Amino acid sequence: MTEIHLNDEALAFIQEQVKTGAYESAEDVVAAGLSRLGSEDELLRTMIAEADAQLERGEFVRFDNADTHADSIIERGMRILNRKS
């Protein structure tokens, strides 16, 4: 069995989760955390793969500076808002 050392803040969080009944044991809290971490990692890898595919297909926009990029984001947001109205 692997021994894990946690800081006081992490221990307190785990104890609170068990105390409130959200989880039955410290092991359940850790297992849930690891499961979520695995899911997030899988989602991130999927998103990166899709971004790479978009880049390969030429589906990207170049910006000369941060202001141009910010203006583009605002413009796209306004278009989305106008579609919903």
N, C-alpha and C. Protein backbone atom coordinates (compact mmCIF):
# COMPACT_ATOMS: atom_id res chain seq x y z
N MET A 1 0.84 -1.18 0.00
CA MET A 1 0.00 0.00 0.00
C MET A 1 0.89 1.25 0.00
N THR A 2 0.50 2.23 -0.78
CA THR A 2 1.24 3.48 -0.87
C THR A 2 0.82 4.42 0.26
N GLU A 3 1.80 5.05 0.86
CA GLU A 3 1.52 6.02 1.92
C GLU A 3 1.51 7.41 1.31
N ILE A 4 0.48 8.18 1.65
CA ILE A 4 0.34 9.52 1.12
C ILE A 4 0.32 10.51 2.28
N HIS A 5 1.09 11.57 2.15
CA HIS A 5 1.13 12.62 3.17
C HIS A 5 0.41 13.85 2.62
N LEU A 6 -0.57 14.33 3.37
CA LEU A 6 -1.36 15.48 2.96
C LEU A 6 -1.14 16.64 3.93
N ASN A 7 -1.27 17.85 3.41
CA ASN A 7 -1.16 19.01 4.30
C ASN A 7 -2.44 19.15 5.12
N ASP A 8 -2.40 20.00 6.10
CA ASP A 8 -3.52 20.17 7.02
C ASP A 8 -4.80 20.60 6.30
N GLU A 9 -4.65 21.46 5.32
CA GLU A 9 -5.82 21.94 4.56
C GLU A 9 -6.51 20.79 3.82
N ALA A 10 -5.72 19.94 3.18
CA ALA A 10 -6.29 18.80 2.46
C ALA A 10 -6.96 17.82 3.42
N LEU A 11 -6.31 17.57 4.54
CA LEU A 11 -6.90 16.67 5.54
C LEU A 11 -8.21 17.22 6.07
N ALA A 12 -8.24 18.51 6.34
CA ALA A 12 -9.47 19.14 6.85
C ALA A 12 -10.59 19.04 5.81
N PHE A 13 -10.25 19.23 4.55
CA PHE A 13 -11.26 19.12 3.48
C PHE A 13 -11.82 17.71 3.44
N ILE A 14 -10.96 16.72 3.47
CA ILE A 14 -11.40 15.33 3.43
C ILE A 14 -12.28 15.02 4.65
N GLN A 15 -11.85 15.44 5.81
CA GLN A 15 -12.62 15.18 7.03
C GLN A 15 -14.00 15.85 6.95
N GLU A 16 -14.05 17.05 6.40
CA GLU A 16 -15.33 17.75 6.26
C GLU A 16 -16.27 17.01 5.31
N GLN A 17 -15.71 16.50 4.22
CA GLN A 17 -16.53 15.75 3.27
C GLN A 17 -17.14 14.51 3.91
N VAL A 18 -16.37 13.83 4.73
CA VAL A 18 -16.86 12.64 5.42
C VAL A 18 -17.86 13.05 6.51
N LYS A 19 -17.54 14.09 7.25
CA LYS A 19 -18.39 14.56 8.35
C LYS A 19 -19.78 14.97 7.85
N THR A 20 -19.83 15.64 6.70
CA THR A 20 -21.12 16.10 6.17
C THR A 20 -21.91 14.98 5.50
N GLY A 21 -21.28 13.83 5.35
CA GLY A 21 -21.97 12.69 4.73
C GLY A 21 -21.87 12.64 3.23
N ALA A 22 -21.10 13.56 2.65
CA ALA A 22 -20.94 13.55 1.19
C ALA A 22 -20.23 12.29 0.74
N TYR A 23 -19.34 11.78 1.58
CA TYR A 23 -18.60 10.55 1.30
C TYR A 23 -18.56 9.72 2.57
N GLU A 24 -18.45 8.41 2.40
CA GLU A 24 -18.44 7.52 3.56
C GLU A 24 -17.07 7.43 4.23
N SER A 25 -16.01 7.66 3.47
CA SER A 25 -14.67 7.51 4.03
C SER A 25 -13.69 8.42 3.32
N ALA A 26 -12.52 8.58 3.93
CA ALA A 26 -11.46 9.36 3.30
C ALA A 26 -11.05 8.74 1.97
N GLU A 27 -11.05 7.43 1.92
CA GLU A 27 -10.69 6.74 0.68
C GLU A 27 -11.66 7.09 -0.44
N ASP A 28 -12.96 7.22 -0.08
CA ASP A 28 -13.96 7.58 -1.09
C ASP A 28 -13.73 9.00 -1.61
N VAL A 29 -13.34 9.90 -0.73
CA VAL A 29 -13.06 11.28 -1.14
C VAL A 29 -11.89 11.30 -2.12
N VAL A 30 -10.83 10.60 -1.77
CA VAL A 30 -9.64 10.55 -2.63
C VAL A 30 -9.97 9.88 -3.96
N ALA A 31 -10.74 8.79 -3.92
CA ALA A 31 -11.12 8.09 -5.16
C ALA A 31 -11.93 9.00 -6.07
N ALA A 32 -12.87 9.77 -5.48
CA ALA A 32 -13.67 10.69 -6.28
C ALA A 32 -12.80 11.77 -6.90
N GLY A 33 -11.84 12.28 -6.12
CA GLY A 33 -10.93 13.29 -6.66
C GLY A 33 -10.10 12.77 -7.81
N LEU A 34 -9.60 11.56 -7.66
CA LEU A 34 -8.80 10.96 -8.73
C LEU A 34 -9.64 10.69 -9.97
N SER A 35 -10.88 10.26 -9.75
CA SER A 35 -11.77 10.02 -10.88
C SER A 35 -12.04 11.30 -11.65
N ARG A 36 -12.29 12.38 -10.91
CA ARG A 36 -12.54 13.67 -11.56
C ARG A 36 -11.30 14.15 -12.30
N LEU A 37 -10.14 13.98 -11.69
CA LEU A 37 -8.89 14.38 -12.33
C LEU A 37 -8.70 13.61 -13.64
N GLY A 38 -9.01 12.31 -13.61
CA GLY A 38 -8.89 11.51 -14.82
C GLY A 38 -9.84 11.97 -15.90
N SER A 39 -11.08 12.32 -15.51
CA SER A 39 -12.07 12.80 -16.48
C SER A 39 -11.65 14.13 -17.09
N GLU A 40 -11.15 15.03 -16.25
CA GLU A 40 -10.70 16.33 -16.74
C GLU A 40 -9.49 16.18 -17.67
N ASP A 41 -8.60 15.26 -17.33
CA ASP A 41 -7.43 15.01 -18.17
C ASP A 41 -7.87 14.48 -19.53
N GLU A 42 -8.83 13.57 -19.52
CA GLU A 42 -9.33 13.01 -20.78
C GLU A 42 -10.00 14.09 -21.63
N LEU A 43 -10.79 14.94 -20.99
CA LEU A 43 -11.45 16.03 -21.70
C LEU A 43 -10.43 16.99 -22.28
N LEU A 44 -9.42 17.33 -21.51
CA LEU A 44 -8.38 18.24 -21.98
C LEU A 44 -7.64 17.64 -23.18
N ARG A 45 -7.32 16.36 -23.12
CA ARG A 45 -6.65 15.72 -24.25
C ARG A 45 -7.52 15.74 -25.50
N THR A 46 -8.83 15.54 -25.33
CA THR A 46 -9.76 15.58 -26.45
C THR A 46 -9.80 16.98 -27.05
N MET A 47 -9.84 17.99 -26.19
CA MET A 47 -9.89 19.37 -26.67
C MET A 47 -8.60 19.74 -27.40
N ILE A 48 -7.47 19.29 -26.89
CA ILE A 48 -6.20 19.57 -27.55
C ILE A 48 -6.15 18.89 -28.91
N ALA A 49 -6.62 17.65 -28.97
CA ALA A 49 -6.63 16.93 -30.26
C ALA A 49 -7.51 17.65 -31.27
N GLU A 50 -8.66 18.15 -30.83
CA GLU A 50 -9.55 18.88 -31.74
C GLU A 50 -8.91 20.19 -32.18
N ALA A 51 -8.25 20.88 -31.27
CA ALA A 51 -7.57 22.13 -31.64
C ALA A 51 -6.46 21.85 -32.65
N ASP A 52 -5.72 20.77 -32.45
CA ASP A 52 -4.67 20.40 -33.40
C ASP A 52 -5.27 20.11 -34.77
N ALA A 53 -6.41 19.40 -34.78
CA ALA A 53 -7.08 19.08 -36.05
C ALA A 53 -7.56 20.35 -36.74
N GLN A 54 -8.11 21.28 -35.98
CA GLN A 54 -8.55 22.55 -36.56
C GLN A 54 -7.37 23.32 -37.15
N LEU A 55 -6.27 23.31 -36.46
CA LEU A 55 -5.08 23.98 -36.95
C LEU A 55 -4.61 23.35 -38.26
N GLU A 56 -4.60 22.03 -38.32
CA GLU A 56 -4.19 21.33 -39.54
C GLU A 56 -5.13 21.63 -40.71
N ARG A 57 -6.43 21.84 -40.41
CA ARG A 57 -7.40 22.15 -41.46
C ARG A 57 -7.37 23.63 -41.84
N GLY A 58 -6.53 24.40 -41.15
CA GLY A 58 -6.44 25.83 -41.45
C GLY A 58 -7.54 26.65 -40.81
N GLU A 59 -8.21 26.09 -39.82
CA GLU A 59 -9.32 26.78 -39.16
C GLU A 59 -8.80 27.59 -37.97
N PHE A 60 -8.15 28.71 -38.29
CA PHE A 60 -7.64 29.57 -37.23
C PHE A 60 -7.59 31.00 -37.75
N VAL A 61 -7.45 31.92 -36.83
CA VAL A 61 -7.38 33.33 -37.17
C VAL A 61 -6.12 33.90 -36.54
N ARG A 62 -5.37 34.67 -37.31
CA ARG A 62 -4.17 35.32 -36.79
C ARG A 62 -4.53 36.72 -36.29
N PHE A 63 -3.86 37.12 -35.23
CA PHE A 63 -4.05 38.46 -34.67
C PHE A 63 -2.68 39.11 -34.55
N ASP A 64 -2.62 40.37 -34.92
CA ASP A 64 -1.35 41.10 -34.85
C ASP A 64 -1.00 41.54 -33.44
N ASN A 65 -2.05 41.77 -32.63
CA ASN A 65 -1.78 42.22 -31.26
C ASN A 65 -2.95 41.85 -30.35
N ALA A 66 -2.78 42.07 -29.07
CA ALA A 66 -3.79 41.69 -28.08
C ALA A 66 -5.07 42.50 -28.25
N ASP A 67 -4.96 43.77 -28.64
CA ASP A 67 -6.15 44.59 -28.82
C ASP A 67 -7.03 44.06 -29.93
N THR A 68 -6.41 43.65 -31.03
CA THR A 68 -7.16 43.08 -32.14
C THR A 68 -7.85 41.80 -31.71
N HIS A 69 -7.16 40.99 -30.94
CA HIS A 69 -7.74 39.75 -30.44
C HIS A 69 -8.92 40.04 -29.52
N ALA A 70 -8.75 40.98 -28.60
CA ALA A 70 -9.82 41.35 -27.68
C ALA A 70 -11.03 41.88 -28.45
N ASP A 71 -10.80 42.70 -29.45
CA ASP A 71 -11.90 43.23 -30.26
C ASP A 71 -12.65 42.10 -30.95
N SER A 72 -11.92 41.10 -31.43
CA SER A 72 -12.54 39.97 -32.10
C SER A 72 -13.42 39.18 -31.13
N ILE A 73 -12.95 38.98 -29.92
CA ILE A 73 -13.72 38.25 -28.92
C ILE A 73 -15.01 39.02 -28.58
N ILE A 74 -14.89 40.32 -28.41
CA ILE A 74 -16.05 41.15 -28.10
C ILE A 74 -17.06 41.10 -29.24
N GLU A 75 -16.56 41.20 -30.46
CA GLU A 75 -17.42 41.17 -31.64
C GLU A 75 -18.18 39.84 -31.73
N ARG A 76 -17.47 38.73 -31.53
CA ARG A 76 -18.12 37.42 -31.58
C ARG A 76 -19.16 37.29 -30.46
N GLY A 77 -18.83 37.80 -29.28
CA GLY A 77 -19.77 37.75 -28.17
C GLY A 77 -21.03 38.55 -28.46
N MET A 78 -20.86 39.71 -29.05
CA MET A 78 -22.02 40.54 -29.39
C MET A 78 -22.90 39.86 -30.44
N ARG A 79 -22.28 39.19 -31.41
CA ARG A 79 -23.06 38.46 -32.41
C ARG A 79 -23.88 37.36 -31.75
N ILE A 80 -23.28 36.65 -30.82
CA ILE A 80 -23.99 35.58 -30.11
C ILE A 80 -25.15 36.15 -29.31
N LEU A 81 -24.90 37.25 -28.59
CA LEU A 81 -25.96 37.88 -27.81
C LEU A 81 -27.10 38.35 -28.71
N ASN A 82 -26.79 38.92 -29.85
CA ASN A 82 -27.82 39.42 -30.76
C ASN A 82 -28.65 38.28 -31.33
N ARG A 83 -28.06 37.11 -31.51
CA ARG A 83 -28.82 35.94 -32.00
C ARG A 83 -29.82 35.46 -30.96
N LYS A 84 -29.48 35.63 -29.67
CA LYS A 84 -30.34 35.15 -28.60
C LYS A 84 -31.47 36.10 -28.29
N SER A 85 -31.38 37.37 -28.75
CA SER A 85 -32.42 38.35 -28.43
C SER A 85 -33.61 38.19 -29.33
